[in-house]
Amino acid sequence: MLRIYNFLLKDVCSKIMKNSKSNITSCPTCNSCEIIEHIPLLDKYCSSKLWPKMNDDIENWDLWVCKNCSHIFADPESYKTTYYASRNAEPELHSHFFKEQPASIAFTLKEVYKYTGKRKLKILDFGCAYGVKANLLARHGHELIGYDIAKKQVAFAAKKYGIKTATGDWEKAKDDIGMVDVIFSEHVFEHIAYPLDTLKSLRKILKPNGVLFLGVPNFASSQVGYLLPEHIHYFNKISIQKLISCASFENIFLRTGLPMISKLYKITKTIPPVSIVHSIDRFTSFTGHYGYSLHILATPKKY
């Protein structure tokens, strides 16, 4: 299915004029300088994935595709002047922001323990927003630090959950955070203007035997569509692994995120074994049933 998806993207690219007005010269995910082609947002191959009710100004946005990694993205600079500014608005206290995911967090920690061999960890929740997931991680006895550019959301997280937080300029904040065992970042990198630069910076504070857990929407899934200006990046299995590799990480595993983890937990009140979940995930991916999210666990490359 992914091969068909990539073939359609290349077919679209071959039919599009290459006279884009943008100054984009490289892919923000893999840094490739290969041809970056302008894609009209309302192309027939894209229209089935549009969420028009959530994109009032959708006709004003253009997308690009990287031929090296098939990554789709909007103009990072235009994005920085719209979405980034909105992140410091008053917190929108909608219920879905506070939906706890204890089973998902517990399973993620189970995967992390398998590769770190440690049960007491210093964890950075990068892009913590209101602190819901950071709080769930802290409940397992770990030292938590939550970082987000949204100052009011970070203040809310610190007040409600009592977790240590950081905000403001990342390059300054990371010096105060110090070295960590785990970097946890779920549904954040689709919002970041330059994900490769950000991930390289994050790597600098990860201990040599530490791990990165990254989760993003899976654009190959039928459940995922365009969401502008909320999402600037649309990852697939190829582009997320390219991002990891270019930032000098080694991929430990990649799974597509299974809702069955929460369902099994509700029934059995136990977290399923990592090996079983990964086996089921490989089978469902082979049959073309892609999960909503891409979850990747990685460790810094050894030189």
C-alpha atoms as a PDB file:
ATOM      1  CA  MET A   1       0.000   0.000   0.000  1.00  0.00           C
ATOM      2  CA  LEU A   2       2.829   2.426   0.851  1.00  0.00           C
ATOM      3  CA  ARG A   3       4.417   1.753  -2.556  1.00  0.00           C
ATOM      4  CA  ILE A   4       1.133   2.620  -4.273  1.00  0.00           C
ATOM      5  CA  TYR A   5       0.892   5.764  -2.142  1.00  0.00           C
ATOM      6  CA  ASN A   6       4.418   6.857  -3.127  1.00  0.00           C
ATOM      7  CA  PHE A   7       3.730   6.060  -6.794  1.00  0.00           C
ATOM      8  CA  LEU A   8       0.666   8.339  -6.730  1.00  0.00           C
ATOM      9  CA  LEU A   9       2.736  11.138  -5.197  1.00  0.00           C
ATOM     10  CA  LYS A  10       5.350  10.860  -7.930  1.00  0.00           C
ATOM     11  CA  ASP A  11       2.629  10.757 -10.559  1.00  0.00           C
ATOM     12  CA  VAL A  12       1.212  13.990  -9.143  1.00  0.00           C
ATOM     13  CA  CYS A  13       4.662  15.582  -9.133  1.00  0.00           C
ATOM     14  CA  SER A  14       5.281  14.727 -12.782  1.00  0.00           C
ATOM     15  CA  LYS A  15       2.211  16.729 -13.807  1.00  0.00           C
ATOM     16  CA  ILE A  16       2.964  19.897 -11.849  1.00  0.00           C
ATOM     17  CA  MET A  17       4.831  23.015 -12.999  1.00  0.00           C
ATOM     18  CA  LYS A  18       8.138  23.582 -11.226  1.00  0.00           C
ATOM     19  CA  ASN A  19       7.958  27.378 -11.045  1.00  0.00           C
ATOM     20  CA  SER A  20       7.055  27.666  -7.359  1.00  0.00           C
ATOM     21  CA  LYS A  21       7.310  31.172  -5.886  1.00  0.00           C
ATOM     22  CA  SER A  22       8.590  29.821  -2.559  1.00  0.00           C
ATOM     23  CA  ASN A  23      12.212  30.089  -1.432  1.00  0.00           C
ATOM     24  CA  ILE A  24      12.201  26.474  -0.217  1.00  0.00           C
ATOM     25  CA  THR A  25      15.414  24.769  -1.346  1.00  0.00           C
ATOM     26  CA  SER A  26      15.611  21.632   0.817  1.00  0.00           C
ATOM     27  CA  CYS A  27      13.441  19.180   2.691  1.00  0.00           C
ATOM     28  CA  PRO A  28      13.038  20.099   6.397  1.00  0.00           C
ATOM     29  CA  THR A  29      12.928  16.399   7.262  1.00  0.00           C
ATOM     30  CA  CYS A  30      15.846  14.796   5.380  1.00  0.00           C
ATOM     31  CA  ASN A  31      17.652  17.957   4.177  1.00  0.00           C
ATOM     32  CA  SER A  32      17.668  16.639   0.620  1.00  0.00           C
ATOM     33  CA  CYS A  33      18.332  19.197  -2.108  1.00  0.00           C
ATOM     34  CA  GLU A  34      16.748  16.994  -4.731  1.00  0.00           C
ATOM     35  CA  ILE A  35      13.868  18.524  -6.676  1.00  0.00           C
ATOM     36  CA  ILE A  36      11.231  19.903  -4.325  1.00  0.00           C
ATOM     37  CA  GLU A  37       8.044  20.220  -6.333  1.00  0.00           C
ATOM     38  CA  HIS A  38       5.092  22.453  -5.649  1.00  0.00           C
ATOM     39  CA  ILE A  39       1.825  20.587  -5.115  1.00  0.00           C
ATOM     40  CA  PRO A  40      -1.523  22.390  -5.422  1.00  0.00           C
ATOM     41  CA  LEU A  41      -3.398  21.570  -2.243  1.00  0.00           C
ATOM     42  CA  LEU A  42      -6.601  20.714  -4.080  1.00  0.00           C
ATOM     43  CA  ASP A  43      -5.058  18.116  -6.385  1.00  0.00           C
ATOM     44  CA  LYS A  44      -7.386  15.178  -7.069  1.00  0.00           C
ATOM     45  CA  TYR A  45      -5.137  12.783  -5.157  1.00  0.00           C
ATOM     46  CA  CYS A  46      -5.235  15.065  -2.139  1.00  0.00           C
ATOM     47  CA  SER A  47      -8.885  16.071  -2.122  1.00  0.00           C
ATOM     48  CA  SER A  48     -10.090  12.853  -0.478  1.00  0.00           C
ATOM     49  CA  LYS A  49      -7.912  13.660   2.549  1.00  0.00           C
ATOM     50  CA  LEU A  50      -9.116  17.219   3.076  1.00  0.00           C
ATOM     51  CA  TRP A  51     -10.964  18.278   6.214  1.00  0.00           C
ATOM     52  CA  PRO A  52     -12.630  21.432   4.804  1.00  0.00           C
ATOM     53  CA  LYS A  53     -14.558  22.274   7.985  1.00  0.00           C
ATOM     54  CA  MET A  54     -11.269  22.574   9.865  1.00  0.00           C
ATOM     55  CA  ASN A  55      -9.483  24.546   7.141  1.00  0.00           C
ATOM     56  CA  ASP A  56     -11.392  27.777   6.460  1.00  0.00           C
ATOM     57  CA  ASP A  57      -8.486  29.321   4.537  1.00  0.00           C
ATOM     58  CA  ILE A  58      -7.348  26.093   2.911  1.00  0.00           C
ATOM     59  CA  GLU A  59      -7.154  27.602  -0.567  1.00  0.00           C
ATOM     60  CA  ASN A  60      -4.373  29.894   0.659  1.00  0.00           C
ATOM     61  CA  TRP A  61      -2.033  27.029   1.537  1.00  0.00           C
ATOM     62  CA  ASP A  62       0.355  25.166  -0.771  1.00  0.00           C
ATOM     63  CA  LEU A  63       2.182  21.911  -0.144  1.00  0.00           C
ATOM     64  CA  TRP A  64       5.513  20.531  -1.286  1.00  0.00           C
ATOM     65  CA  VAL A  65       6.841  17.001  -1.576  1.00  0.00           C
ATOM     66  CA  CYS A  66      10.382  15.674  -1.211  1.00  0.00           C
ATOM     67  CA  LYS A  67      11.280  13.089  -3.837  1.00  0.00           C
ATOM     68  CA  ASN A  68      13.928  11.614  -1.568  1.00  0.00           C
ATOM     69  CA  CYS A  69      11.651  10.679   1.344  1.00  0.00           C
ATOM     70  CA  SER A  70       8.094  11.368   0.028  1.00  0.00           C
ATOM     71  CA  HIS A  71       7.567  13.823   2.872  1.00  0.00           C
ATOM     72  CA  ILE A  72       4.793  16.387   2.376  1.00  0.00           C
ATOM     73  CA  PHE A  73       5.023  19.785   4.043  1.00  0.00           C
ATOM     74  CA  ALA A  74       3.843  23.384   3.935  1.00  0.00           C
ATOM     75  CA  ASP A  75       6.089  26.458   3.888  1.00  0.00           C
ATOM     76  CA  PRO A  76       7.835  26.503   7.317  1.00  0.00           C
ATOM     77  CA  GLU A  77       8.322  30.278   7.371  1.00  0.00           C
ATOM     78  CA  SER A  78       4.673  31.036   6.602  1.00  0.00           C
ATOM     79  CA  TYR A  79       3.697  28.548   9.272  1.00  0.00           C
ATOM     80  CA  LYS A  80       5.876  30.183  11.940  1.00  0.00           C
ATOM     81  CA  THR A  81       3.985  33.462  11.581  1.00  0.00           C
ATOM     82  CA  THR A  82       0.556  31.851  12.000  1.00  0.00           C
ATOM     83  CA  TYR A  83       0.432  28.748  14.177  1.00  0.00           C
ATOM     84  CA  TYR A  84       3.373  29.598  16.442  1.00  0.00           C
ATOM     85  CA  ALA A  85       1.754  32.884  17.418  1.00  0.00           C
ATOM     86  CA  SER A  86      -1.506  31.139  18.304  1.00  0.00           C
ATOM     87  CA  ARG A  87       0.272  28.779  20.716  1.00  0.00           C
ATOM     88  CA  ASN A  88       0.479  31.536  23.325  1.00  0.00           C
ATOM     89  CA  ALA A  89      -3.218  32.276  23.253  1.00  0.00           C
ATOM     90  CA  GLU A  90      -5.382  31.495  26.287  1.00  0.00           C
ATOM     91  CA  PRO A  91      -5.572  27.734  26.949  1.00  0.00           C
ATOM     92  CA  GLU A  92      -8.510  26.131  25.175  1.00  0.00           C
ATOM     93  CA  LEU A  93      -9.846  23.867  27.861  1.00  0.00           C
ATOM     94  CA  HIS A  94     -11.549  21.327  25.609  1.00  0.00           C
ATOM     95  CA  SER A  95     -12.116  17.878  27.053  1.00  0.00           C
ATOM     96  CA  HIS A  96     -10.049  16.064  24.392  1.00  0.00           C
ATOM     97  CA  PHE A  97      -6.909  17.854  25.629  1.00  0.00           C
ATOM     98  CA  PHE A  98      -7.339  16.129  28.981  1.00  0.00           C
ATOM     99  CA  LYS A  99      -8.249  12.624  27.894  1.00  0.00           C
ATOM    100  CA  GLU A 100      -5.889  10.385  29.838  1.00  0.00           C
ATOM    101  CA  GLN A 101      -4.200   7.447  28.126  1.00  0.00           C
ATOM    102  CA  PRO A 102      -2.838   5.347  31.011  1.00  0.00           C
ATOM    103  CA  ALA A 103      -2.613   2.125  29.003  1.00  0.00           C
ATOM    104  CA  SER A 104      -0.764   3.757  26.096  1.00  0.00           C
ATOM    105  CA  ILE A 105       1.710   5.481  28.427  1.00  0.00           C
ATOM    106  CA  ALA A 106       2.282   2.296  30.457  1.00  0.00           C
ATOM    107  CA  PHE A 107       2.951   0.308  27.283  1.00  0.00           C
ATOM    108  CA  THR A 108       5.371   2.950  25.981  1.00  0.00           C
ATOM    109  CA  LEU A 109       7.301   2.787  29.258  1.00  0.00           C
ATOM    110  CA  LYS A 110       7.380  -0.997  28.962  1.00  0.00           C
ATOM    111  CA  GLU A 111       9.090  -0.585  25.586  1.00  0.00           C
ATOM    112  CA  VAL A 112      11.507   1.982  27.025  1.00  0.00           C
ATOM    113  CA  TYR A 113      12.440  -0.227  29.997  1.00  0.00           C
ATOM    114  CA  LYS A 114      13.305  -3.058  27.637  1.00  0.00           C
ATOM    115  CA  TYR A 115      16.043  -0.982  26.005  1.00  0.00           C
ATOM    116  CA  THR A 116      17.283   1.212  28.870  1.00  0.00           C
ATOM    117  CA  GLY A 117      17.345  -1.457  31.561  1.00  0.00           C
ATOM    118  CA  LYS A 118      16.435   1.297  34.041  1.00  0.00           C
ATOM    119  CA  ARG A 119      13.234   1.837  36.015  1.00  0.00           C
ATOM    120  CA  LYS A 120      14.089   5.273  37.401  1.00  0.00           C
ATOM    121  CA  LEU A 121      14.397   7.752  34.556  1.00  0.00           C
ATOM    122  CA  LYS A 122      14.759  11.449  33.907  1.00  0.00           C
ATOM    123  CA  ILE A 123      12.253  12.155  31.137  1.00  0.00           C
ATOM    124  CA  LEU A 124      11.729  15.243  29.021  1.00  0.00           C
ATOM    125  CA  ASP A 125       8.215  15.604  27.602  1.00  0.00           C
ATOM    126  CA  PHE A 126       8.990  17.832  24.624  1.00  0.00           C
ATOM    127  CA  GLY A 127       5.836  19.686  23.592  1.00  0.00           C
ATOM    128  CA  CYS A 128       4.036  18.902  26.840  1.00  0.00           C
ATOM    129  CA  ALA A 129       1.153  21.371  26.292  1.00  0.00           C
ATOM    130  CA  TYR A 130      -1.196  21.069  29.305  1.00  0.00           C
ATOM    131  CA  GLY A 131       0.962  18.372  30.938  1.00  0.00           C
ATOM    132  CA  VAL A 132      -1.511  15.468  30.799  1.00  0.00           C
ATOM    133  CA  LYS A 133       0.966  12.912  29.416  1.00  0.00           C
ATOM    134  CA  ALA A 134       3.819  14.276  31.513  1.00  0.00           C
ATOM    135  CA  ASN A 135       1.669  13.724  34.597  1.00  0.00           C
ATOM    136  CA  LEU A 136       0.935  10.137  33.551  1.00  0.00           C
ATOM    137  CA  LEU A 137       4.658   9.486  33.065  1.00  0.00           C
ATOM    138  CA  ALA A 138       5.429  11.029  36.469  1.00  0.00           C
ATOM    139  CA  ARG A 139       2.936   8.697  38.162  1.00  0.00           C
ATOM    140  CA  HIS A 140       5.305   5.827  37.371  1.00  0.00           C
ATOM    141  CA  GLY A 141       7.935   7.366  39.636  1.00  0.00           C
ATOM    142  CA  HIS A 142      10.079   9.167  37.072  1.00  0.00           C
ATOM    143  CA  GLU A 143      11.601  12.632  37.188  1.00  0.00           C
ATOM    144  CA  LEU A 144       9.649  14.675  34.655  1.00  0.00           C
ATOM    145  CA  ILE A 145      10.366  17.939  32.898  1.00  0.00           C
ATOM    146  CA  GLY A 146       7.785  19.343  30.509  1.00  0.00           C
ATOM    147  CA  TYR A 147       8.776  21.803  27.794  1.00  0.00           C
ATOM    148  CA  ASP A 148       6.527  23.787  25.450  1.00  0.00           C
ATOM    149  CA  ILE A 149       6.686  27.140  23.681  1.00  0.00           C
ATOM    150  CA  ALA A 150       3.159  27.932  24.885  1.00  0.00           C
ATOM    151  CA  LYS A 151       3.832  29.774  28.140  1.00  0.00           C
ATOM    152  CA  LYS A 152       0.237  29.805  29.373  1.00  0.00           C
ATOM    153  CA  GLN A 153      -0.214  26.086  28.741  1.00  0.00           C
ATOM    154  CA  VAL A 154       3.050  25.323  30.555  1.00  0.00           C
ATOM    155  CA  ALA A 155       1.929  27.462  33.498  1.00  0.00           C
ATOM    156  CA  PHE A 156      -1.340  25.521  33.578  1.00  0.00           C
ATOM    157  CA  ALA A 157       0.578  22.199  33.595  1.00  0.00           C
ATOM    158  CA  ALA A 158       2.819  23.295  36.454  1.00  0.00           C
ATOM    159  CA  LYS A 159      -0.085  24.547  38.562  1.00  0.00           C
ATOM    160  CA  LYS A 160      -2.445  21.607  37.971  1.00  0.00           C
ATOM    161  CA  TYR A 161       0.021  18.707  38.096  1.00  0.00           C
ATOM    162  CA  GLY A 162       2.982  20.157  39.980  1.00  0.00           C
ATOM    163  CA  ILE A 163       5.493  19.002  37.376  1.00  0.00           C
ATOM    164  CA  LYS A 164       8.728  20.836  36.612  1.00  0.00           C
ATOM    165  CA  THR A 165       8.388  22.833  33.398  1.00  0.00           C
ATOM    166  CA  ALA A 166      10.401  24.969  30.995  1.00  0.00           C
ATOM    167  CA  THR A 167       9.366  27.339  28.242  1.00  0.00           C
ATOM    168  CA  GLY A 168      10.691  30.130  26.035  1.00  0.00           C
ATOM    169  CA  ASP A 169      13.609  29.824  23.627  1.00  0.00           C
ATOM    170  CA  TRP A 170      14.566  26.150  23.340  1.00  0.00           C
ATOM    171  CA  GLU A 171      18.310  26.711  22.952  1.00  0.00           C
ATOM    172  CA  LYS A 172      18.347  28.508  26.303  1.00  0.00           C
ATOM    173  CA  ALA A 173      15.900  26.159  28.020  1.00  0.00           C
ATOM    174  CA  LYS A 174      17.847  23.000  27.181  1.00  0.00           C
ATOM    175  CA  ASP A 175      20.860  24.214  29.175  1.00  0.00           C
ATOM    176  CA  ASP A 176      18.692  24.425  32.301  1.00  0.00           C
ATOM    177  CA  ILE A 177      17.090  21.013  31.621  1.00  0.00           C
ATOM    178  CA  GLY A 178      20.422  19.176  31.408  1.00  0.00           C
ATOM    179  CA  MET A 179      21.004  15.611  30.226  1.00  0.00           C
ATOM    180  CA  VAL A 180      18.033  13.206  30.202  1.00  0.00           C
ATOM    181  CA  ASP A 181      17.491   9.451  29.887  1.00  0.00           C
ATOM    182  CA  VAL A 182      14.373   9.671  27.712  1.00  0.00           C
ATOM    183  CA  ILE A 183      12.923  12.234  25.332  1.00  0.00           C
ATOM    184  CA  PHE A 184       9.186  11.725  24.887  1.00  0.00           C
ATOM    185  CA  SER A 185       7.414  13.699  22.180  1.00  0.00           C
ATOM    186  CA  GLU A 186       4.029  12.622  20.874  1.00  0.00           C
ATOM    187  CA  HIS A 187       2.014  14.495  18.246  1.00  0.00           C
ATOM    188  CA  VAL A 188       4.398  17.443  18.331  1.00  0.00           C
ATOM    189  CA  PHE A 189       6.739  17.216  15.329  1.00  0.00           C
ATOM    190  CA  GLU A 190       3.954  17.671  12.794  1.00  0.00           C
ATOM    191  CA  HIS A 191       3.698  21.207  14.237  1.00  0.00           C
ATOM    192  CA  ILE A 192       7.421  22.095  14.230  1.00  0.00           C
ATOM    193  CA  ALA A 193       8.670  24.275  11.363  1.00  0.00           C
ATOM    194  CA  TYR A 194      12.092  22.597  11.068  1.00  0.00           C
ATOM    195  CA  PRO A 195      11.912  19.078  12.567  1.00  0.00           C
ATOM    196  CA  LEU A 196      15.440  17.983  11.584  1.00  0.00           C
ATOM    197  CA  ASP A 197      17.120  20.980  13.234  1.00  0.00           C
ATOM    198  CA  THR A 198      14.972  20.494  16.340  1.00  0.00           C
ATOM    199  CA  LEU A 199      15.758  16.790  16.613  1.00  0.00           C
ATOM    200  CA  LYS A 200      19.507  17.424  16.240  1.00  0.00           C
ATOM    201  CA  SER A 201      19.287  19.904  19.093  1.00  0.00           C
ATOM    202  CA  LEU A 202      17.346  17.418  21.253  1.00  0.00           C
ATOM    203  CA  ARG A 203      19.989  14.763  20.658  1.00  0.00           C
ATOM    204  CA  LYS A 204      22.559  16.935  22.431  1.00  0.00           C
ATOM    205  CA  ILE A 205      20.806  16.516  25.790  1.00  0.00           C
ATOM    206  CA  LEU A 206      20.116  12.784  25.471  1.00  0.00           C
ATOM    207  CA  LYS A 207      22.477  10.512  27.367  1.00  0.00           C
ATOM    208  CA  PRO A 208      24.531   8.058  25.217  1.00  0.00           C
ATOM    209  CA  ASN A 209      22.374   5.099  26.263  1.00  0.00           C
ATOM    210  CA  GLY A 210      19.159   7.119  26.333  1.00  0.00           C
ATOM    211  CA  VAL A 211      16.159   6.670  24.061  1.00  0.00           C
ATOM    212  CA  LEU A 212      13.891   8.882  22.010  1.00  0.00           C
ATOM    213  CA  PHE A 213      10.174   8.096  21.719  1.00  0.00           C
ATOM    214  CA  LEU A 214       8.552   9.997  18.874  1.00  0.00           C
ATOM    215  CA  GLY A 215       4.910   9.848  17.794  1.00  0.00           C
ATOM    216  CA  VAL A 216       3.367  11.594  14.761  1.00  0.00           C
ATOM    217  CA  PRO A 217       0.187  11.157  12.683  1.00  0.00           C
ATOM    218  CA  ASN A 218       0.585   8.519   9.962  1.00  0.00           C
ATOM    219  CA  PHE A 219      -0.345  10.169   6.664  1.00  0.00           C
ATOM    220  CA  ALA A 220      -0.553   6.763   4.968  1.00  0.00           C
ATOM    221  CA  SER A 221      -3.548   5.989   7.172  1.00  0.00           C
ATOM    222  CA  SER A 222      -7.041   6.537   5.829  1.00  0.00           C
ATOM    223  CA  GLN A 223      -7.860   8.201   9.170  1.00  0.00           C
ATOM    224  CA  VAL A 224      -5.390  11.062   8.653  1.00  0.00           C
ATOM    225  CA  GLY A 225      -5.948  14.070   6.419  1.00  0.00           C
ATOM    226  CA  TYR A 226      -4.685  17.587   5.937  1.00  0.00           C
ATOM    227  CA  LEU A 227      -5.114  19.906   8.911  1.00  0.00           C
ATOM    228  CA  LEU A 228      -3.832  23.392   8.147  1.00  0.00           C
ATOM    229  CA  PRO A 229      -2.501  25.512   9.681  1.00  0.00           C
ATOM    230  CA  GLU A 230      -2.430  23.132  12.670  1.00  0.00           C
ATOM    231  CA  HIS A 231      -0.176  20.564  10.928  1.00  0.00           C
ATOM    232  CA  ILE A 232       2.686  21.610   8.675  1.00  0.00           C
ATOM    233  CA  HIS A 233       4.228  18.135   8.198  1.00  0.00           C
ATOM    234  CA  TYR A 234       2.648  14.904   6.891  1.00  0.00           C
ATOM    235  CA  PHE A 235       4.863  11.953   7.770  1.00  0.00           C
ATOM    236  CA  ASN A 236       4.922   8.413   6.390  1.00  0.00           C
ATOM    237  CA  LYS A 237       7.087   5.437   7.353  1.00  0.00           C
ATOM    238  CA  ILE A 238       9.848   6.459   4.964  1.00  0.00           C
ATOM    239  CA  SER A 239      10.074  10.121   5.961  1.00  0.00           C
ATOM    240  CA  ILE A 240       9.950   9.552   9.727  1.00  0.00           C
ATOM    241  CA  GLN A 241      12.810   7.042   9.492  1.00  0.00           C
ATOM    242  CA  LYS A 242      14.786   9.433   7.273  1.00  0.00           C
ATOM    243  CA  LEU A 243      14.293  12.130   9.894  1.00  0.00           C
ATOM    244  CA  ILE A 244      15.573   9.844  12.643  1.00  0.00           C
ATOM    245  CA  SER A 245      18.613   8.774  10.632  1.00  0.00           C
ATOM    246  CA  CYS A 246      19.564  12.294   9.488  1.00  0.00           C
ATOM    247  CA  ALA A 247      19.476  13.464  13.116  1.00  0.00           C
ATOM    248  CA  SER A 248      22.035  10.739  14.004  1.00  0.00           C
ATOM    249  CA  PHE A 249      19.661   8.304  15.703  1.00  0.00           C
ATOM    250  CA  GLU A 250      19.396   4.563  15.185  1.00  0.00           C
ATOM    251  CA  ASN A 251      15.912   3.163  14.815  1.00  0.00           C
ATOM    252  CA  ILE A 252      15.101   0.460  17.398  1.00  0.00           C
ATOM    253  CA  PHE A 253      11.578  -0.176  16.152  1.00  0.00           C
ATOM    254  CA  LEU A 254       8.727   1.491  14.316  1.00  0.00           C
ATOM    255  CA  ARG A 255       5.079   0.664  14.904  1.00  0.00           C
ATOM    256  CA  THR A 256       1.898   2.240  13.622  1.00  0.00           C
ATOM    257  CA  GLY A 257       0.093   2.704  16.927  1.00  0.00           C
ATOM    258  CA  LEU A 258      -2.612   0.234  17.855  1.00  0.00           C
ATOM    259  CA  PRO A 259      -5.880   1.159  19.594  1.00  0.00           C
ATOM    260  CA  MET A 260      -6.080  -2.441  20.757  1.00  0.00           C
ATOM    261  CA  ILE A 261      -3.630  -1.620  23.586  1.00  0.00           C
ATOM    262  CA  SER A 262      -6.269   0.454  25.371  1.00  0.00           C
ATOM    263  CA  LYS A 263      -9.011  -2.038  24.508  1.00  0.00           C
ATOM    264  CA  LEU A 264      -7.067  -4.976  25.929  1.00  0.00           C
ATOM    265  CA  TYR A 265      -6.243  -2.983  29.043  1.00  0.00           C
ATOM    266  CA  LYS A 266      -9.912  -2.222  29.700  1.00  0.00           C
ATOM    267  CA  ILE A 267     -10.740  -5.923  29.501  1.00  0.00           C
ATOM    268  CA  THR A 268      -7.747  -7.536  31.237  1.00  0.00           C
ATOM    269  CA  LYS A 269      -6.421  -4.636  33.359  1.00  0.00           C
ATOM    270  CA  THR A 270      -2.925  -5.688  32.273  1.00  0.00           C
ATOM    271  CA  ILE A 271      -0.518  -4.240  29.699  1.00  0.00           C
ATOM    272  CA  PRO A 272       0.057  -6.682  26.782  1.00  0.00           C
ATOM    273  CA  PRO A 273       3.619  -7.970  26.139  1.00  0.00           C
ATOM    274  CA  VAL A 274       5.734  -5.829  23.804  1.00  0.00           C
ATOM    275  CA  SER A 275       6.570  -8.769  21.513  1.00  0.00           C
ATOM    276  CA  ILE A 276       2.892  -9.621  20.928  1.00  0.00           C
ATOM    277  CA  VAL A 277       1.876  -6.045  20.121  1.00  0.00           C
ATOM    278  CA  HIS A 278       4.800  -5.601  17.714  1.00  0.00           C
ATOM    279  CA  SER A 279       3.972  -8.896  15.968  1.00  0.00           C
ATOM    280  CA  ILE A 280       0.340  -7.869  15.496  1.00  0.00           C
ATOM    281  CA  ASP A 281       1.449  -4.463  14.249  1.00  0.00           C
ATOM    282  CA  ARG A 282       3.733  -6.037  11.626  1.00  0.00           C
ATOM    283  CA  PHE A 283       0.877  -8.252  10.452  1.00  0.00           C
ATOM    284  CA  THR A 284      -1.646  -5.408  10.197  1.00  0.00           C
ATOM    285  CA  SER A 285       0.867  -3.229   8.317  1.00  0.00           C
ATOM    286  CA  PHE A 286       1.560  -6.096   5.907  1.00  0.00           C
ATOM    287  CA  THR A 287      -2.149  -6.350   5.151  1.00  0.00           C
ATOM    288  CA  GLY A 288      -2.353  -2.595   4.490  1.00  0.00           C
ATOM    289  CA  HIS A 289      -4.204  -1.585   7.669  1.00  0.00           C
ATOM    290  CA  TYR A 290      -2.145   1.364   8.853  1.00  0.00           C
ATOM    291  CA  GLY A 291      -2.710   2.788  12.313  1.00  0.00           C
ATOM    292  CA  TYR A 292      -3.451   6.448  12.948  1.00  0.00           C
ATOM    293  CA  SER A 293      -0.010   7.147  14.456  1.00  0.00           C
ATOM    294  CA  LEU A 294       3.620   6.330  13.722  1.00  0.00           C
ATOM    295  CA  HIS A 295       5.513   5.496  16.920  1.00  0.00           C
ATOM    296  CA  ILE A 296       9.280   5.182  16.738  1.00  0.00           C
ATOM    297  CA  LEU A 297      11.833   4.341  19.440  1.00  0.00           C
ATOM    298  CA  ALA A 298      15.442   5.291  18.686  1.00  0.00           C
ATOM    299  CA  THR A 299      18.809   5.683  20.358  1.00  0.00           C
ATOM    300  CA  PRO A 300      21.775   7.961  19.520  1.00  0.00           C
ATOM    301  CA  LYS A 301      24.157   6.533  16.934  1.00  0.00           C
ATOM    302  CA  LYS A 302      27.478   5.343  18.291  1.00  0.00           C
ATOM    303  CA  TYR A 303      30.534   6.695  16.461  1.00  0.00           C
END
